[in-house]
Each structure stands twice: as structure tokens, then as C-alpha cells.
Amino acid sequence: MSAEFGRRPGRQGRISQWLRGRRPARLEEDAGGGREAMLLAAAAAGLPIAPAAHPVGYRCSCDRIGCPTPARHPVSFAWQTQSTTDRAQVERWVRHQPEANFITATGMVHDVLDVPREAGEEALEGLLAADVEVGPVAATGDGRMLFFTLTRGTPEDEDEWWPCVLDCRPETMDEHPGLRWHCRGSYVLLPPARLPGELSVEWVRGPEHALPDPLSLLEHLTDACARHVGDAAEDQLAGWPHGG
């Protein structure tokens, strides 16, 4: 599922309102092959896929005690080589593992710019209003927004690589507050996916949209992230008791 929206009036835009009104995705709601069709569409768009863990109540389906990323990680340690766009393989996985989430490996065909959800909603409205080409976008129930882009490719200078993994969080960098750039060696959950606590990962704009150059989105996303971080800091200061 995808959606197109116009400019946001004030703080609460139409994208924000639409996202707030979405119900969590449930596998039983995908009867009739909707879930399988969405995953096959992602594979057909060139996004490499591999099986991932799924929630069991508030726990993870894996056997790791106290899993730090429940329902958010691949099942196999060989996920990078396992990831595929082969339709027959994806069909087998989906049908034989009906509860599984799926990840898509980044840095092969695509990267993902991962930002706080509020900043992502603001940036998306600005990008669409400015007629900037935007590719697939997903929203997660735990407060992130994922912008799918073309990969940066293999640079001549290996030092230019930022080998991001899921727990690499460069929000301490002043120029990219709150931004995670998933490239080689990383992955993200692919919609539709379930998270503990009946949360979900859903498409805002589906994989039918062409992947854009990441640099065409970066300025909008970093500006929105900086405003988001600044607003959060102001809110904290506003709640601080001031002496007379």
C-alpha cells in the first residue's frame, strides 16, 4: 500500500494523520495472499529478502534469552548470502514460514535512510510538495521512518564506506542527528512485518516507486532531523524548573 499527500498545515499534516489512523498489520488480515503479494512485489523491485524472527507475545521467536532486537533480526547468520529476489524462493519461505518477518539486505541494490518518525513525516511532506522524486517509504510502529534509495555503490576509496549495522546509531553526529544510513553490511525489516506489542512495519509508499539517489533526499531528512532534535531539547528545557 502506498499513499500520496500534499503539504502539511502546521504541526499535524495529512501524512501524520494518516499514519496515526493506521491499524497494526496482522497476518490474519493478509488472508488471500496479500502478505505474499507484497513481499513478492518487493523482490520484483530488486530488494533482496531473507527470513527474520517474529514476535511471540512480547518476546522474540529466536532462542536467545533477552534478545536485544526481538523480531527485528534475520534468522540465519548467513543472511547476506541468503538474501535473494528469486520469486520461487520467496514463495517457499512465505508459505513454509507463515509467521516469519522478512528483512531486506542493504548495500547491494538499495540503501535505507532511517530517521525518527516525526522528522520523516515532516521531510516526506516537504519532498512531495517540492516535487522531489521519492522512492518507497516505510513507517515502523516503534517510531522510525525508512526511506529506500539507490545504493551508493562501491567507492574507489574504501575509507568512504560507512559500514552501518542496526545498532550503529550516528545520532551523535552534529550533521546527521538521529539519522541511520543503512548500507553495506546492514538490513531493515521489510513491510509487512510485526513487532512485539502488536506494533507493525508498513509501507507508506510501496516498492512500485523507483529508488531515488540518496543525496536528493539527504538535505531534507537531515534538516527535519535537526529540527526534531531541537524541538525535543526545547521541550526538555521547558519542563525544567527555573530558580528565581
Protein backbone atom coordinates (compact mmCIF):
# COMPACT_ATOMS: atom_id res chain seq x y z
CA MET A 1 0.00 0.00 0.00
CA SER A 2 1.21 3.47 -0.79
CA ALA A 3 -0.10 6.97 -0.29
CA GLU A 4 0.49 10.41 -1.74
CA PHE A 5 -0.12 13.57 0.30
CA GLY A 6 0.31 17.30 -0.02
CA ARG A 7 1.92 19.95 2.17
CA ARG A 8 1.36 19.74 5.90
CA PRO A 9 -0.56 22.60 7.54
CA GLY A 10 1.28 23.34 10.77
CA ARG A 11 2.46 20.54 13.02
CA GLN A 12 -0.15 17.91 12.17
CA GLY A 13 -0.03 17.17 8.43
CA ARG A 14 -2.09 14.78 6.39
CA ILE A 15 0.69 12.20 6.39
CA SER A 16 0.86 12.34 10.19
CA GLN A 17 -2.91 12.00 10.49
CA TRP A 18 -3.00 9.08 8.05
CA LEU A 19 -0.19 7.25 9.86
CA ARG A 20 -1.77 7.81 13.28
CA GLY A 21 -5.03 6.30 11.99
CA ARG A 22 -3.47 3.11 10.62
CA ARG A 23 -4.21 -0.11 12.46
CA PRO A 24 -1.34 -2.51 13.20
CA ALA A 25 -0.84 -5.01 10.37
CA ARG A 26 -1.83 -8.53 11.37
CA LEU A 27 -1.09 -11.70 9.46
CA GLU A 28 -4.72 -12.79 9.66
CA GLU A 29 -5.67 -9.59 7.83
CA ASP A 30 -3.44 -10.69 4.95
CA ALA A 31 -5.61 -13.68 4.05
CA GLY A 32 -5.85 -14.24 0.33
CA GLY A 33 -2.15 -13.80 -0.33
CA GLY A 34 -1.87 -10.08 0.42
CA ARG A 35 1.26 -10.53 2.53
CA GLU A 36 2.85 -12.83 -0.02
CA ALA A 37 1.98 -10.45 -2.87
CA MET A 38 3.60 -7.52 -1.03
CA LEU A 39 6.81 -9.46 -0.39
CA LEU A 40 6.93 -10.70 -3.98
CA ALA A 41 6.42 -7.13 -5.21
CA ALA A 42 9.41 -6.03 -3.11
CA ALA A 43 11.53 -8.85 -4.53
CA ALA A 44 10.40 -7.99 -8.07
CA ALA A 45 11.52 -4.40 -7.40
CA GLY A 46 15.02 -5.74 -6.69
CA LEU A 47 15.04 -5.71 -2.88
CA PRO A 48 16.95 -8.80 -1.65
CA ILE A 49 14.94 -10.67 1.01
CA ALA A 50 15.72 -13.15 3.78
CA PRO A 51 13.61 -14.60 6.63
CA ALA A 52 13.63 -12.88 10.02
CA ALA A 53 12.42 -13.59 13.53
CA HIS A 54 8.87 -12.78 14.58
CA PRO A 55 7.19 -11.78 17.84
CA VAL A 56 5.84 -14.33 20.29
CA GLY A 57 3.84 -12.09 22.59
CA TYR A 58 6.40 -9.56 23.79
CA ARG A 59 9.29 -11.94 23.18
CA CYS A 60 11.28 -12.93 20.12
CA SER A 61 10.84 -16.23 18.30
CA CYS A 62 14.61 -16.84 18.47
CA ASP A 63 16.13 -18.90 21.28
CA ARG A 64 18.33 -16.08 22.60
CA ILE A 65 17.48 -15.17 26.17
CA GLY A 66 16.84 -11.43 26.43
CA CYS A 67 17.11 -10.86 22.68
CA PRO A 68 18.06 -7.16 22.28
CA THR A 69 16.22 -6.77 18.95
CA PRO A 70 13.14 -9.01 19.24
CA ALA A 71 11.50 -9.80 15.87
CA ARG A 72 13.87 -7.37 14.14
CA HIS A 73 16.78 -9.61 13.07
CA PRO A 74 17.45 -12.31 10.45
CA VAL A 75 17.04 -15.97 11.34
CA SER A 76 20.31 -17.06 9.73
CA PHE A 77 23.82 -15.71 10.34
CA ALA A 78 24.26 -16.16 6.56
CA TRP A 79 21.55 -13.61 5.78
CA GLN A 80 23.75 -11.58 3.42
CA THR A 81 24.38 -14.53 1.10
CA GLN A 82 20.91 -15.94 1.70
CA SER A 83 19.13 -12.73 0.65
CA THR A 84 17.52 -13.13 -2.74
CA THR A 85 14.99 -11.69 -5.18
CA ASP A 86 14.18 -15.15 -6.61
CA ARG A 87 10.41 -15.44 -6.78
CA ALA A 88 10.26 -19.20 -6.22
CA GLN A 89 12.48 -19.00 -3.12
CA VAL A 90 10.47 -16.12 -1.63
CA GLU A 91 7.25 -18.07 -2.23
CA ARG A 92 8.69 -21.13 -0.44
CA TRP A 93 9.79 -19.05 2.53
CA VAL A 94 6.46 -17.26 2.87
CA ARG A 95 4.42 -20.46 2.61
CA HIS A 96 6.62 -22.61 4.84
CA GLN A 97 7.25 -19.88 7.46
CA PRO A 98 3.85 -18.16 7.75
CA GLU A 99 4.76 -16.32 10.98
CA ALA A 100 8.15 -15.03 9.82
CA ASN A 101 9.07 -11.42 9.29
CA PHE A 102 11.48 -10.65 6.46
CA ILE A 103 14.49 -8.37 6.23
CA THR A 104 15.97 -6.77 3.13
CA ALA A 105 19.75 -6.58 2.89
CA THR A 106 21.03 -3.08 2.10
CA GLY A 107 24.12 -2.05 0.19
CA MET A 108 23.51 -4.45 -2.70
CA VAL A 109 20.83 -2.69 -4.72
CA HIS A 110 19.47 -0.17 -2.27
CA ASP A 111 20.29 1.77 0.88
CA VAL A 112 17.85 2.94 3.55
CA LEU A 113 17.85 6.32 5.27
CA ASP A 114 16.33 5.65 8.69
CA VAL A 115 15.07 8.67 10.68
CA PRO A 116 12.81 9.42 13.66
CA ARG A 117 9.21 9.10 12.53
CA GLU A 118 8.18 12.67 13.29
CA ALA A 119 11.14 14.01 11.31
CA GLY A 120 10.40 11.57 8.49
CA GLU A 121 6.78 12.65 8.22
CA GLU A 122 7.83 16.30 8.03
CA ALA A 123 10.53 15.58 5.44
CA LEU A 124 8.21 13.44 3.30
CA GLU A 125 5.62 16.19 3.07
CA GLY A 126 8.29 18.71 2.12
CA LEU A 127 9.80 16.40 -0.50
CA LEU A 128 6.44 15.67 -2.13
CA ALA A 129 5.47 19.36 -2.07
CA ALA A 130 8.79 20.22 -3.76
CA ASP A 131 8.22 17.52 -6.43
CA VAL A 132 11.40 15.71 -5.41
CA GLU A 133 11.46 12.09 -6.55
CA VAL A 134 10.78 9.91 -3.51
CA GLY A 135 11.02 6.13 -3.58
CA PRO A 136 9.50 3.55 -1.26
CA VAL A 137 8.94 4.69 2.33
CA ALA A 138 8.00 2.58 5.35
CA ALA A 139 6.91 3.51 8.86
CA THR A 140 7.57 1.44 11.96
CA GLY A 141 5.34 1.22 14.99
CA ASP A 142 8.31 1.87 17.26
CA GLY A 143 8.91 5.37 15.93
CA ARG A 144 11.11 5.25 12.82
CA MET A 145 10.62 6.03 9.13
CA LEU A 146 12.60 4.27 6.40
CA PHE A 147 13.39 5.94 3.06
CA PHE A 148 14.55 3.42 0.44
CA THR A 149 17.10 4.77 -2.06
CA LEU A 150 19.63 3.55 -4.59
CA THR A 151 22.81 2.27 -3.01
CA ARG A 152 25.90 4.45 -3.12
CA GLY A 153 27.74 1.65 -4.90
CA THR A 154 31.32 0.62 -4.27
CA PRO A 155 33.58 3.68 -3.94
CA GLU A 156 37.15 3.65 -5.17
CA ASP A 157 38.31 4.71 -1.73
CA GLU A 158 37.31 2.02 0.78
CA ASP A 159 37.57 4.61 3.59
CA GLU A 160 34.46 6.31 2.18
CA TRP A 161 32.32 3.38 3.33
CA TRP A 162 30.13 3.70 6.39
CA PRO A 163 29.57 0.03 7.26
CA CYS A 164 26.32 0.52 9.14
CA VAL A 165 24.57 -2.17 11.18
CA LEU A 166 21.31 -1.93 13.06
CA ASP A 167 22.86 -0.85 16.34
CA CYS A 168 25.10 1.74 14.64
CA ARG A 169 23.33 4.96 15.56
CA PRO A 170 25.17 8.09 14.42
CA GLU A 171 22.74 10.46 16.15
CA THR A 172 25.69 11.97 18.00
CA MET A 173 26.99 13.41 14.72
CA ASP A 174 26.00 17.07 14.53
CA GLU A 175 25.49 16.96 10.75
CA HIS A 176 23.18 13.92 10.86
CA PRO A 177 21.26 13.99 14.17
CA GLY A 178 19.10 10.90 14.54
CA LEU A 179 19.89 9.55 11.06
CA ARG A 180 20.99 5.98 10.41
CA TRP A 181 22.24 5.22 6.89
CA HIS A 182 21.85 1.51 6.24
CA CYS A 183 24.26 0.47 3.51
CA ARG A 184 26.68 -2.43 3.09
CA GLY A 185 26.50 -4.92 5.96
CA SER A 186 23.12 -3.76 7.24
CA TYR A 187 19.43 -4.59 6.83
CA VAL A 188 15.97 -3.33 7.71
CA LEU A 189 12.65 -5.05 8.29
CA LEU A 190 10.55 -5.26 5.15
CA PRO A 191 6.82 -4.50 5.29
CA PRO A 192 4.54 -6.08 6.21
CA ALA A 193 6.22 -7.03 9.48
CA ARG A 194 5.07 -7.46 13.07
CA LEU A 195 6.82 -6.17 16.18
CA PRO A 196 6.21 -7.10 19.83
CA GLY A 197 3.26 -5.36 21.43
CA GLU A 198 1.07 -5.56 18.29
CA LEU A 199 3.17 -2.94 16.52
CA SER A 200 3.91 -3.19 12.83
CA VAL A 201 6.07 -2.06 9.93
CA GLU A 202 4.00 -0.82 6.98
CA TRP A 203 4.51 0.79 3.59
CA VAL A 204 3.65 4.48 3.31
CA ARG A 205 4.82 4.41 -0.33
CA GLY A 206 5.23 0.95 -1.80
CA PRO A 207 8.05 -0.69 -3.79
CA GLU A 208 6.41 0.26 -7.09
CA HIS A 209 8.13 3.64 -6.70
CA ALA A 210 11.57 3.89 -8.31
CA LEU A 211 14.58 4.15 -5.99
CA PRO A 212 15.96 7.72 -5.93
CA ASP A 213 19.52 8.96 -5.42
CA PRO A 214 20.02 9.16 -1.62
CA LEU A 215 21.69 12.56 -1.88
CA SER A 216 18.48 14.03 -3.32
CA LEU A 217 16.72 13.25 -0.01
CA LEU A 218 19.54 13.77 2.43
CA GLU A 219 19.27 17.54 2.91
CA HIS A 220 15.51 17.38 3.60
CA LEU A 221 15.96 14.49 6.02
CA THR A 222 18.88 15.96 7.94
CA ASP A 223 17.15 19.35 8.22
CA ALA A 224 14.00 17.67 9.55
CA CYS A 225 16.08 15.58 11.97
CA ALA A 226 17.86 18.71 13.24
CA ARG A 227 14.51 20.42 13.85
CA HIS A 228 13.19 17.30 15.56
CA VAL A 229 16.22 17.13 17.87
CA GLY A 230 15.98 20.88 18.52
CA ASP A 231 12.29 20.67 19.39
CA ALA A 232 12.96 17.78 21.76
CA ALA A 233 15.67 19.79 23.51
CA GLU A 234 13.35 22.80 23.82
CA ASP A 235 10.64 20.58 25.31
CA GLN A 236 13.08 19.27 27.90
CA LEU A 237 14.15 22.79 28.81
CA ALA A 238 10.55 23.93 29.04
CA GLY A 239 9.91 21.26 31.67
CA TRP A 240 12.99 22.18 33.72
CA PRO A 241 12.25 24.06 36.95
CA HIS A 242 13.86 27.50 36.87
CA GLY A 243 15.02 29.21 40.04
CA GLY A 244 14.04 32.77 40.88
